Amino acid sequence: MLILAVPSNDFDQELADEAAVKEYCEMTFDLTLPMTEITAVTGAGAHPFYAWVRDQTGFVPGWNFNKVLIAPDGSIAGTFGAPVRPEGPQILGRIEAMLE
């Protein structure tokens, strides 16, 4: 399993560059997972992954900390808004079901 953080300026929150974002997230949230470069996730300029998620599910991130769960076969197993915790039952339940 891989969890990847994708910072985005689409919500007018990010810092000047990826290094500053990574440092802030490490210090503020104790975040240690891999992080991409700052990436567009909404609108016409959305990264192809997020355009695919939108086309497949209708899901468009409305704020930072959204989650997309990909199944082992590459399909979208779920999309979750910012309030859903990564370790919450909505996500863990789906992961556990895929591992059975």
PDB file of N, CA and C in Angstrom:
ATOM      1  N   MET A   1       0.840  -1.162   0.000  1.00  0.00           N
ATOM      2  CA  MET A   1       0.000   0.000   0.000  1.00  0.00           C
ATOM      3  C   MET A   1       0.893   1.236   0.000  1.00  0.00           C
ATOM      4  N   LEU A   2       0.477   2.248  -0.739  1.00  0.00           N
ATOM      5  CA  LEU A   2       1.209   3.509  -0.808  1.00  0.00           C
ATOM      6  C   LEU A   2       0.243   4.650  -0.551  1.00  0.00           C
ATOM      7  N   ILE A   3       0.610   5.534   0.337  1.00  0.00           N
ATOM      8  CA  ILE A   3      -0.151   6.752   0.584  1.00  0.00           C
ATOM      9  C   ILE A   3       0.724   7.904   0.119  1.00  0.00           C
ATOM     10  N   LEU A   4       0.153   8.757  -0.703  1.00  0.00           N
ATOM     11  CA  LEU A   4       0.898   9.837  -1.328  1.00  0.00           C
ATOM     12  C   LEU A   4       0.186  11.157  -1.072  1.00  0.00           C
ATOM     13  N   ALA A   5       0.918  12.162  -0.618  1.00  0.00           N
ATOM     14  CA  ALA A   5       0.366  13.499  -0.409  1.00  0.00           C
ATOM     15  C   ALA A   5       0.550  14.316  -1.684  1.00  0.00           C
ATOM     16  N   VAL A   6      -0.506  15.050  -2.051  1.00  0.00           N
ATOM     17  CA  VAL A   6      -0.479  15.866  -3.269  1.00  0.00           C
ATOM     18  C   VAL A   6      -0.878  17.288  -2.894  1.00  0.00           C
ATOM     19  N   PRO A   7       0.086  18.165  -2.628  1.00  0.00           N
ATOM     20  CA  PRO A   7      -0.266  19.553  -2.303  1.00  0.00           C
ATOM     21  C   PRO A   7      -0.772  20.275  -3.556  1.00  0.00           C
ATOM     22  N   SER A   8      -1.694  21.204  -3.349  1.00  0.00           N
ATOM     23  CA  SER A   8      -2.272  21.941  -4.473  1.00  0.00           C
ATOM     24  C   SER A   8      -2.504  23.399  -4.094  1.00  0.00           C
ATOM     25  N   ASN A   9      -2.241  24.284  -5.035  1.00  0.00           N
ATOM     26  CA  ASN A   9      -2.527  25.706  -4.837  1.00  0.00           C
ATOM     27  C   ASN A   9      -3.963  26.054  -5.224  1.00  0.00           C
ATOM     28  N   ASP A  10      -4.759  25.066  -5.612  1.00  0.00           N
ATOM     29  CA  ASP A  10      -6.132  25.327  -6.030  1.00  0.00           C
ATOM     30  C   ASP A  10      -6.987  25.911  -4.916  1.00  0.00           C
ATOM     31  N   PHE A  11      -6.516  25.840  -3.691  1.00  0.00           N
ATOM     32  CA  PHE A  11      -7.293  26.318  -2.554  1.00  0.00           C
ATOM     33  C   PHE A  11      -6.598  27.488  -1.847  1.00  0.00           C
ATOM     34  N   ASP A  12      -5.623  28.089  -2.538  1.00  0.00           N
ATOM     35  CA  ASP A  12      -4.924  29.282  -2.048  1.00  0.00           C
ATOM     36  C   ASP A  12      -4.346  29.107  -0.654  1.00  0.00           C
ATOM     37  N   GLN A  13      -3.738  27.934  -0.404  1.00  0.00           N
ATOM     38  CA  GLN A  13      -3.157  27.687   0.904  1.00  0.00           C
ATOM     39  C   GLN A  13      -1.676  27.369   0.868  1.00  0.00           C
ATOM     40  N   GLU A  14      -1.174  26.913  -0.234  1.00  0.00           N
ATOM     41  CA  GLU A  14       0.184  26.377  -0.242  1.00  0.00           C
ATOM     42  C   GLU A  14       1.238  27.463  -0.117  1.00  0.00           C
ATOM     43  N   LEU A  15       2.394  27.037   0.297  1.00  0.00           N
ATOM     44  CA  LEU A  15       3.540  27.914   0.463  1.00  0.00           C
ATOM     45  C   LEU A  15       4.238  28.080  -0.872  1.00  0.00           C
ATOM     46  N   ALA A  16       5.371  28.716  -0.882  1.00  0.00           N
ATOM     47  CA  ALA A  16       6.055  29.090  -2.117  1.00  0.00           C
ATOM     48  C   ALA A  16       6.532  27.912  -2.961  1.00  0.00           C
ATOM     49  N   ASP A  17       6.963  26.835  -2.321  1.00  0.00           N
ATOM     50  CA  ASP A  17       7.506  25.716  -3.094  1.00  0.00           C
ATOM     51  C   ASP A  17       7.320  24.409  -2.337  1.00  0.00           C
ATOM     52  N   GLU A  18       7.644  23.309  -3.014  1.00  0.00           N
ATOM     53  CA  GLU A  18       7.437  21.985  -2.438  1.00  0.00           C
ATOM     54  C   GLU A  18       8.212  21.780  -1.134  1.00  0.00           C
ATOM     55  N   ALA A  19       9.426  22.296  -1.072  1.00  0.00           N
ATOM     56  CA  ALA A  19      10.235  22.132   0.139  1.00  0.00           C
ATOM     57  C   ALA A  19       9.563  22.800   1.338  1.00  0.00           C
ATOM     58  N   ALA A  20       9.017  23.985   1.128  1.00  0.00           N
ATOM     59  CA  ALA A  20       8.342  24.695   2.222  1.00  0.00           C
ATOM     60  C   ALA A  20       7.073  23.956   2.645  1.00  0.00           C
ATOM     61  N   VAL A  21       6.334  23.408   1.675  1.00  0.00           N
ATOM     62  CA  VAL A  21       5.121  22.645   1.990  1.00  0.00           C
ATOM     63  C   VAL A  21       5.485  21.412   2.809  1.00  0.00           C
ATOM     64  N   LYS A  22       6.510  20.685   2.346  1.00  0.00           N
ATOM     65  CA  LYS A  22       6.935  19.465   3.044  1.00  0.00           C
ATOM     66  C   LYS A  22       7.360  19.780   4.479  1.00  0.00           C
ATOM     67  N   GLU A  23       8.152  20.822   4.659  1.00  0.00           N
ATOM     68  CA  GLU A  23       8.601  21.198   6.000  1.00  0.00           C
ATOM     69  C   GLU A  23       7.426  21.583   6.893  1.00  0.00           C
ATOM     70  N   TYR A  24       6.501  22.363   6.357  1.00  0.00           N
ATOM     71  CA  TYR A  24       5.328  22.769   7.125  1.00  0.00           C
ATOM     72  C   TYR A  24       4.502  21.555   7.555  1.00  0.00           C
ATOM     73  N   CYS A  25       4.260  20.644   6.623  1.00  0.00           N
ATOM     74  CA  CYS A  25       3.459  19.452   6.936  1.00  0.00           C
ATOM     75  C   CYS A  25       4.169  18.538   7.933  1.00  0.00           C
ATOM     76  N   GLU A  26       5.474  18.433   7.827  1.00  0.00           N
ATOM     77  CA  GLU A  26       6.223  17.627   8.793  1.00  0.00           C
ATOM     78  C   GLU A  26       6.121  18.221  10.189  1.00  0.00           C
ATOM     79  N   MET A  27       6.288  19.539  10.286  1.00  0.00           N
ATOM     80  CA  MET A  27       6.290  20.195  11.592  1.00  0.00           C
ATOM     81  C   MET A  27       4.882  20.310  12.184  1.00  0.00           C
ATOM     82  N   THR A  28       3.888  20.599  11.354  1.00  0.00           N
ATOM     83  CA  THR A  28       2.534  20.855  11.842  1.00  0.00           C
ATOM     84  C   THR A  28       1.733  19.578  12.046  1.00  0.00           C
ATOM     85  N   PHE A  29       1.877  18.623  11.104  1.00  0.00           N
ATOM     86  CA  PHE A  29       1.035  17.421  11.130  1.00  0.00           C
ATOM     87  C   PHE A  29       1.827  16.136  11.360  1.00  0.00           C
ATOM     88  N   ASP A  30       3.145  16.257  11.572  1.00  0.00           N
ATOM     89  CA  ASP A  30       4.015  15.092  11.715  1.00  0.00           C
ATOM     90  C   ASP A  30       3.891  14.172  10.499  1.00  0.00           C
ATOM     91  N   LEU A  31       3.717  14.780   9.335  1.00  0.00           N
ATOM     92  CA  LEU A  31       3.523  14.050   8.075  1.00  0.00           C
ATOM     93  C   LEU A  31       4.869  13.573   7.544  1.00  0.00           C
ATOM     94  N   THR A  32       4.972  12.280   7.322  1.00  0.00           N
ATOM     95  CA  THR A  32       6.239  11.711   6.847  1.00  0.00           C
ATOM     96  C   THR A  32       6.078  10.964   5.522  1.00  0.00           C
ATOM     97  N   LEU A  33       4.882  10.971   4.953  1.00  0.00           N
ATOM     98  CA  LEU A  33       4.688  10.209   3.722  1.00  0.00           C
ATOM     99  C   LEU A  33       5.218  10.956   2.497  1.00  0.00           C
ATOM    100  N   PRO A  34       5.428  10.235   1.386  1.00  0.00           N
ATOM    101  CA  PRO A  34       5.949  10.878   0.182  1.00  0.00           C
ATOM    102  C   PRO A  34       4.987  11.956  -0.315  1.00  0.00           C
ATOM    103  N   MET A  35       5.563  13.003  -0.904  1.00  0.00           N
ATOM    104  CA  MET A  35       4.771  14.128  -1.370  1.00  0.00           C
ATOM    105  C   MET A  35       5.166  14.481  -2.800  1.00  0.00           C
ATOM    106  N   THR A  36       4.171  14.760  -3.619  1.00  0.00           N
ATOM    107  CA  THR A  36       4.425  15.173  -5.001  1.00  0.00           C
ATOM    108  C   THR A  36       4.762  16.667  -5.036  1.00  0.00           C
ATOM    109  N   GLU A  37       5.022  17.135  -6.230  1.00  0.00           N
ATOM    110  CA  GLU A  37       5.144  18.579  -6.416  1.00  0.00           C
ATOM    111  C   GLU A  37       3.756  19.198  -6.276  1.00  0.00           C
ATOM    112  N   ILE A  38       3.697  20.505  -6.127  1.00  0.00           N
ATOM    113  CA  ILE A  38       2.416  21.199  -6.047  1.00  0.00           C
ATOM    114  C   ILE A  38       1.691  20.964  -7.370  1.00  0.00           C
ATOM    115  N   THR A  39       0.441  20.470  -7.283  1.00  0.00           N
ATOM    116  CA  THR A  39      -0.273  19.960  -8.444  1.00  0.00           C
ATOM    117  C   THR A  39      -1.692  20.523  -8.517  1.00  0.00           C
ATOM    118  N   ALA A  40      -2.129  20.888  -9.711  1.00  0.00           N
ATOM    119  CA  ALA A  40      -3.524  21.310  -9.899  1.00  0.00           C
ATOM    120  C   ALA A  40      -4.425  20.082  -9.795  1.00  0.00           C
ATOM    121  N   VAL A  41      -5.511  20.202  -9.019  1.00  0.00           N
ATOM    122  CA  VAL A  41      -6.423  19.075  -8.822  1.00  0.00           C
ATOM    123  C   VAL A  41      -7.850  19.391  -9.267  1.00  0.00           C
ATOM    124  N   THR A  42      -8.120  20.621  -9.642  1.00  0.00           N
ATOM    125  CA  THR A  42      -9.461  21.016 -10.075  1.00  0.00           C
ATOM    126  C   THR A  42      -9.381  21.800 -11.380  1.00  0.00           C
ATOM    127  N   GLY A  43     -10.516  21.941 -12.036  1.00  0.00           N
ATOM    128  CA  GLY A  43     -10.626  22.780 -13.218  1.00  0.00           C
ATOM    129  C   GLY A  43      -9.969  22.202 -14.454  1.00  0.00           C
ATOM    130  N   ALA A  44      -9.879  23.047 -15.465  1.00  0.00           N
ATOM    131  CA  ALA A  44      -9.340  22.629 -16.760  1.00  0.00           C
ATOM    132  C   ALA A  44      -7.873  22.229 -16.679  1.00  0.00           C
ATOM    133  N   GLY A  45      -7.146  22.780 -15.724  1.00  0.00           N
ATOM    134  CA  GLY A  45      -5.723  22.472 -15.588  1.00  0.00           C
ATOM    135  C   GLY A  45      -5.424  21.330 -14.643  1.00  0.00           C
ATOM    136  N   ALA A  46      -6.454  20.603 -14.217  1.00  0.00           N
ATOM    137  CA  ALA A  46      -6.242  19.505 -13.262  1.00  0.00           C
ATOM    138  C   ALA A  46      -5.312  18.457 -13.848  1.00  0.00           C
ATOM    139  N   HIS A  47      -4.465  17.911 -12.989  1.00  0.00           N
ATOM    140  CA  HIS A  47      -3.583  16.810 -13.378  1.00  0.00           C
ATOM    141  C   HIS A  47      -4.442  15.706 -13.998  1.00  0.00           C
ATOM    142  N   PRO A  48      -3.924  14.977 -14.994  1.00  0.00           N
ATOM    143  CA  PRO A  48      -4.716  13.915 -15.635  1.00  0.00           C
ATOM    144  C   PRO A  48      -5.310  12.904 -14.658  1.00  0.00           C
ATOM    145  N   PHE A  49      -4.622  12.598 -13.572  1.00  0.00           N
ATOM    146  CA  PHE A  49      -5.190  11.680 -12.575  1.00  0.00           C
ATOM    147  C   PHE A  49      -6.487  12.241 -12.017  1.00  0.00           C
ATOM    148  N   TYR A  50      -6.487  13.511 -11.622  1.00  0.00           N
ATOM    149  CA  TYR A  50      -7.685  14.108 -11.037  1.00  0.00           C
ATOM    150  C   TYR A  50      -8.783  14.301 -12.070  1.00  0.00           C
ATOM    151  N   ALA A  51      -8.416  14.567 -13.321  1.00  0.00           N
ATOM    152  CA  ALA A  51      -9.413  14.626 -14.394  1.00  0.00           C
ATOM    153  C   ALA A  51     -10.057  13.251 -14.579  1.00  0.00           C
ATOM    154  N   TRP A  52      -9.259  12.187 -14.503  1.00  0.00           N
ATOM    155  CA  TRP A  52      -9.778  10.821 -14.617  1.00  0.00           C
ATOM    156  C   TRP A  52     -10.723  10.508 -13.453  1.00  0.00           C
ATOM    157  N   VAL A  53     -10.322  10.855 -12.242  1.00  0.00           N
ATOM    158  CA  VAL A  53     -11.189  10.624 -11.080  1.00  0.00           C
ATOM    159  C   VAL A  53     -12.507  11.368 -11.268  1.00  0.00           C
ATOM    160  N   ARG A  54     -12.438  12.615 -11.691  1.00  0.00           N
ATOM    161  CA  ARG A  54     -13.657  13.408 -11.921  1.00  0.00           C
ATOM    162  C   ARG A  54     -14.536  12.739 -12.973  1.00  0.00           C
ATOM    163  N   ASP A  55     -13.932  12.303 -14.079  1.00  0.00           N
ATOM    164  CA  ASP A  55     -14.696  11.679 -15.160  1.00  0.00           C
ATOM    165  C   ASP A  55     -15.311  10.351 -14.738  1.00  0.00           C
ATOM    166  N   GLN A  56     -14.605   9.591 -13.908  1.00  0.00           N
ATOM    167  CA  GLN A  56     -15.084   8.272 -13.479  1.00  0.00           C
ATOM    168  C   GLN A  56     -16.134   8.350 -12.373  1.00  0.00           C
ATOM    169  N   THR A  57     -16.000   9.335 -11.480  1.00  0.00           N
ATOM    170  CA  THR A  57     -16.827   9.338 -10.265  1.00  0.00           C
ATOM    171  C   THR A  57     -17.616  10.628 -10.044  1.00  0.00           C
ATOM    172  N   GLY A  58     -17.237  11.691 -10.726  1.00  0.00           N
ATOM    173  CA  GLY A  58     -17.845  12.994 -10.462  1.00  0.00           C
ATOM    174  C   GLY A  58     -17.217  13.720  -9.287  1.00  0.00           C
ATOM    175  N   PHE A  59     -16.236  13.106  -8.643  1.00  0.00           N
ATOM    176  CA  PHE A  59     -15.596  13.685  -7.463  1.00  0.00           C
ATOM    177  C   PHE A  59     -14.572  14.741  -7.866  1.00  0.00           C
ATOM    178  N   VAL A  60     -14.700  15.920  -7.284  1.00  0.00           N
ATOM    179  CA  VAL A  60     -13.730  16.998  -7.449  1.00  0.00           C
ATOM    180  C   VAL A  60     -13.367  17.486  -6.051  1.00  0.00           C
ATOM    181  N   PRO A  61     -12.070  17.513  -5.715  1.00  0.00           N
ATOM    182  CA  PRO A  61     -11.694  17.999  -4.388  1.00  0.00           C
ATOM    183  C   PRO A  61     -12.253  19.399  -4.139  1.00  0.00           C
ATOM    184  N   GLY A  62     -12.869  19.573  -2.984  1.00  0.00           N
ATOM    185  CA  GLY A  62     -13.407  20.874  -2.617  1.00  0.00           C
ATOM    186  C   GLY A  62     -12.515  21.624  -1.652  1.00  0.00           C
ATOM    187  N   TRP A  63     -11.482  20.941  -1.191  1.00  0.00           N
ATOM    188  CA  TRP A  63     -10.555  21.527  -0.234  1.00  0.00           C
ATOM    189  C   TRP A  63      -9.360  20.595  -0.128  1.00  0.00           C
ATOM    190  N   ASN A  64      -8.319  20.990   0.554  1.00  0.00           N
ATOM    191  CA  ASN A  64      -7.178  20.103   0.784  1.00  0.00           C
ATOM    192  C   ASN A  64      -7.602  18.910   1.645  1.00  0.00           C
ATOM    193  N   PHE A  65      -6.755  17.914   1.670  1.00  0.00           N
ATOM    194  CA  PHE A  65      -6.934  16.712   2.489  1.00  0.00           C
ATOM    195  C   PHE A  65      -8.044  15.789   1.988  1.00  0.00           C
ATOM    196  N   ASN A  66      -8.339  15.831   0.685  1.00  0.00           N
ATOM    197  CA  ASN A  66      -9.254  14.864   0.092  1.00  0.00           C
ATOM    198  C   ASN A  66      -8.485  13.576  -0.152  1.00  0.00           C
ATOM    199  N   LYS A  67      -9.210  12.481  -0.263  1.00  0.00           N
ATOM    200  CA  LYS A  67      -8.561  11.184  -0.455  1.00  0.00           C
ATOM    201  C   LYS A  67      -9.211  10.441  -1.605  1.00  0.00           C
ATOM    202  N   VAL A  68      -8.370   9.730  -2.376  1.00  0.00           N
ATOM    203  CA  VAL A  68      -8.840   8.845  -3.433  1.00  0.00           C
ATOM    204  C   VAL A  68      -8.200   7.490  -3.162  1.00  0.00           C
ATOM    205  N   LEU A  69      -9.023   6.470  -3.029  1.00  0.00           N
ATOM    206  CA  LEU A  69      -8.544   5.122  -2.750  1.00  0.00           C
ATOM    207  C   LEU A  69      -8.575   4.324  -4.047  1.00  0.00           C
ATOM    208  N   ILE A  70      -7.422   3.802  -4.433  1.00  0.00           N
ATOM    209  CA  ILE A  70      -7.301   3.011  -5.655  1.00  0.00           C
ATOM    210  C   ILE A  70      -7.207   1.537  -5.284  1.00  0.00           C
ATOM    211  N   ALA A  71      -8.030   0.717  -5.920  1.00  0.00           N
ATOM    212  CA  ALA A  71      -8.044  -0.729  -5.679  1.00  0.00           C
ATOM    213  C   ALA A  71      -6.842  -1.380  -6.348  1.00  0.00           C
ATOM    214  N   PRO A  72      -6.506  -2.600  -5.951  1.00  0.00           N
ATOM    215  CA  PRO A  72      -5.376  -3.300  -6.571  1.00  0.00           C
ATOM    216  C   PRO A  72      -5.488  -3.442  -8.092  1.00  0.00           C
ATOM    217  N   ASP A  73      -6.710  -3.469  -8.613  1.00  0.00           N
ATOM    218  CA  ASP A  73      -6.880  -3.594 -10.067  1.00  0.00           C
ATOM    219  C   ASP A  73      -6.814  -2.250 -10.795  1.00  0.00           C
ATOM    220  N   GLY A  74      -6.564  -1.156 -10.049  1.00  0.00           N
ATOM    221  CA  GLY A  74      -6.438   0.165 -10.650  1.00  0.00           C
ATOM    222  C   GLY A  74      -7.734   0.946 -10.723  1.00  0.00           C
ATOM    223  N   SER A  75      -8.825   0.354 -10.300  1.00  0.00           N
ATOM    224  CA  SER A  75     -10.108   1.069 -10.293  1.00  0.00           C
ATOM    225  C   SER A  75     -10.176   1.972  -9.059  1.00  0.00           C
ATOM    226  N   ILE A  76     -11.124   2.877  -9.069  1.00  0.00           N
ATOM    227  CA  ILE A  76     -11.320   3.776  -7.937  1.00  0.00           C
ATOM    228  C   ILE A  76     -12.212   3.073  -6.924  1.00  0.00           C
ATOM    229  N   ALA A  77     -11.669   2.803  -5.752  1.00  0.00           N
ATOM    230  CA  ALA A  77     -12.402   2.103  -4.700  1.00  0.00           C
ATOM    231  C   ALA A  77     -13.176   3.060  -3.813  1.00  0.00           C
ATOM    232  N   GLY A  78     -12.886   4.346  -3.907  1.00  0.00           N
ATOM    233  CA  GLY A  78     -13.615   5.322  -3.109  1.00  0.00           C
ATOM    234  C   GLY A  78     -12.987   6.695  -3.178  1.00  0.00           C
ATOM    235  N   THR A  79     -13.804   7.696  -2.964  1.00  0.00           N
ATOM    236  CA  THR A  79     -13.338   9.082  -2.854  1.00  0.00           C
ATOM    237  C   THR A  79     -13.898   9.632  -1.552  1.00  0.00           C
ATOM    238  N   PHE A  80     -13.097  10.472  -0.899  1.00  0.00           N
ATOM    239  CA  PHE A  80     -13.460  10.935   0.426  1.00  0.00           C
ATOM    240  C   PHE A  80     -13.082  12.403   0.566  1.00  0.00           C
ATOM    241  N   GLY A  81     -13.986  13.184   1.128  1.00  0.00           N
ATOM    242  CA  GLY A  81     -13.741  14.588   1.347  1.00  0.00           C
ATOM    243  C   GLY A  81     -12.787  14.844   2.503  1.00  0.00           C
ATOM    244  N   ALA A  82     -12.457  16.103   2.674  1.00  0.00           N
ATOM    245  CA  ALA A  82     -11.491  16.515   3.691  1.00  0.00           C
ATOM    246  C   ALA A  82     -11.840  16.058   5.105  1.00  0.00           C
ATOM    247  N   PRO A  83     -13.121  16.055   5.527  1.00  0.00           N
ATOM    248  CA  PRO A  83     -13.415  15.675   6.913  1.00  0.00           C
ATOM    249  C   PRO A  83     -13.157  14.197   7.234  1.00  0.00           C
ATOM    250  N   VAL A  84     -13.093  13.335   6.237  1.00  0.00           N
ATOM    251  CA  VAL A  84     -12.891  11.909   6.485  1.00  0.00           C
ATOM    252  C   VAL A  84     -11.421  11.675   6.843  1.00  0.00           C
ATOM    253  N   ARG A  85     -11.199  11.087   8.002  1.00  0.00           N
ATOM    254  CA  ARG A  85      -9.825  10.829   8.465  1.00  0.00           C
ATOM    255  C   ARG A  85      -9.246   9.643   7.727  1.00  0.00           C
ATOM    256  N   PRO A  86      -7.958   9.697   7.378  1.00  0.00           N
ATOM    257  CA  PRO A  86      -7.325   8.590   6.653  1.00  0.00           C
ATOM    258  C   PRO A  86      -7.452   7.254   7.376  1.00  0.00           C
ATOM    259  N   GLU A  87      -7.437   7.291   8.699  1.00  0.00           N
ATOM    260  CA  GLU A  87      -7.539   6.052   9.469  1.00  0.00           C
ATOM    261  C   GLU A  87      -8.974   5.793   9.931  1.00  0.00           C
ATOM    262  N   GLY A  88      -9.928   6.537   9.392  1.00  0.00           N
ATOM    263  CA  GLY A  88     -11.326   6.388   9.779  1.00  0.00           C
ATOM    264  C   GLY A  88     -11.955   5.120   9.211  1.00  0.00           C
ATOM    265  N   PRO A  89     -13.097   4.726   9.765  1.00  0.00           N
ATOM    266  CA  PRO A  89     -13.734   3.479   9.356  1.00  0.00           C
ATOM    267  C   PRO A  89     -14.180   3.450   7.898  1.00  0.00           C
ATOM    268  N   GLN A  90     -14.523   4.604   7.322  1.00  0.00           N
ATOM    269  CA  GLN A  90     -14.950   4.615   5.924  1.00  0.00           C
ATOM    270  C   GLN A  90     -13.833   4.134   5.002  1.00  0.00           C
ATOM    271  N   ILE A  91     -12.612   4.561   5.284  1.00  0.00           N
ATOM    272  CA  ILE A  91     -11.475   4.181   4.441  1.00  0.00           C
ATOM    273  C   ILE A  91     -10.923   2.826   4.865  1.00  0.00           C
ATOM    274  N   LEU A  92     -10.678   2.644   6.154  1.00  0.00           N
ATOM    275  CA  LEU A  92     -10.115   1.376   6.612  1.00  0.00           C
ATOM    276  C   LEU A  92     -11.019   0.190   6.282  1.00  0.00           C
ATOM    277  N   GLY A  93     -12.334   0.383   6.365  1.00  0.00           N
ATOM    278  CA  GLY A  93     -13.255  -0.687   6.028  1.00  0.00           C
ATOM    279  C   GLY A  93     -13.103  -1.136   4.582  1.00  0.00           C
ATOM    280  N   ARG A  94     -12.919  -0.193   3.689  1.00  0.00           N
ATOM    281  CA  ARG A  94     -12.740  -0.549   2.269  1.00  0.00           C
ATOM    282  C   ARG A  94     -11.392  -1.219   2.032  1.00  0.00           C
ATOM    283  N   ILE A  95     -10.370  -0.739   2.705  1.00  0.00           N
ATOM    284  CA  ILE A  95      -9.050  -1.366   2.558  1.00  0.00           C
ATOM    285  C   ILE A  95      -9.095  -2.795   3.079  1.00  0.00           C
ATOM    286  N   GLU A  96      -9.672  -2.974   4.251  1.00  0.00           N
ATOM    287  CA  GLU A  96      -9.753  -4.317   4.828  1.00  0.00           C
ATOM    288  C   GLU A  96     -10.528  -5.270   3.919  1.00  0.00           C
ATOM    289  N   ALA A  97     -11.603  -4.785   3.311  1.00  0.00           N
ATOM    290  CA  ALA A  97     -12.382  -5.629   2.403  1.00  0.00           C
ATOM    291  C   ALA A  97     -11.569  -6.034   1.182  1.00  0.00           C
ATOM    292  N   MET A  98     -10.731  -5.144   0.689  1.00  0.00           N
ATOM    293  CA  MET A  98      -9.888  -5.465  -0.481  1.00  0.00           C
ATOM    294  C   MET A  98      -8.789  -6.446  -0.130  1.00  0.00           C
ATOM    295  N   LEU A  99      -8.383  -6.489   1.144  1.00  0.00           N
ATOM    296  CA  LEU A  99      -7.312  -7.404   1.558  1.00  0.00           C
ATOM    297  C   LEU A  99      -7.815  -8.821   1.843  1.00  0.00           C
ATOM    298  N   GLU A 100      -9.123  -8.985   1.953  1.00  0.00           N
ATOM    299  CA  GLU A 100      -9.681 -10.315   2.269  1.00  0.00           C
ATOM    300  C   GLU A 100      -9.589 -11.250   1.082  1.00  0.00           C
TER     301      GLU A 100
END
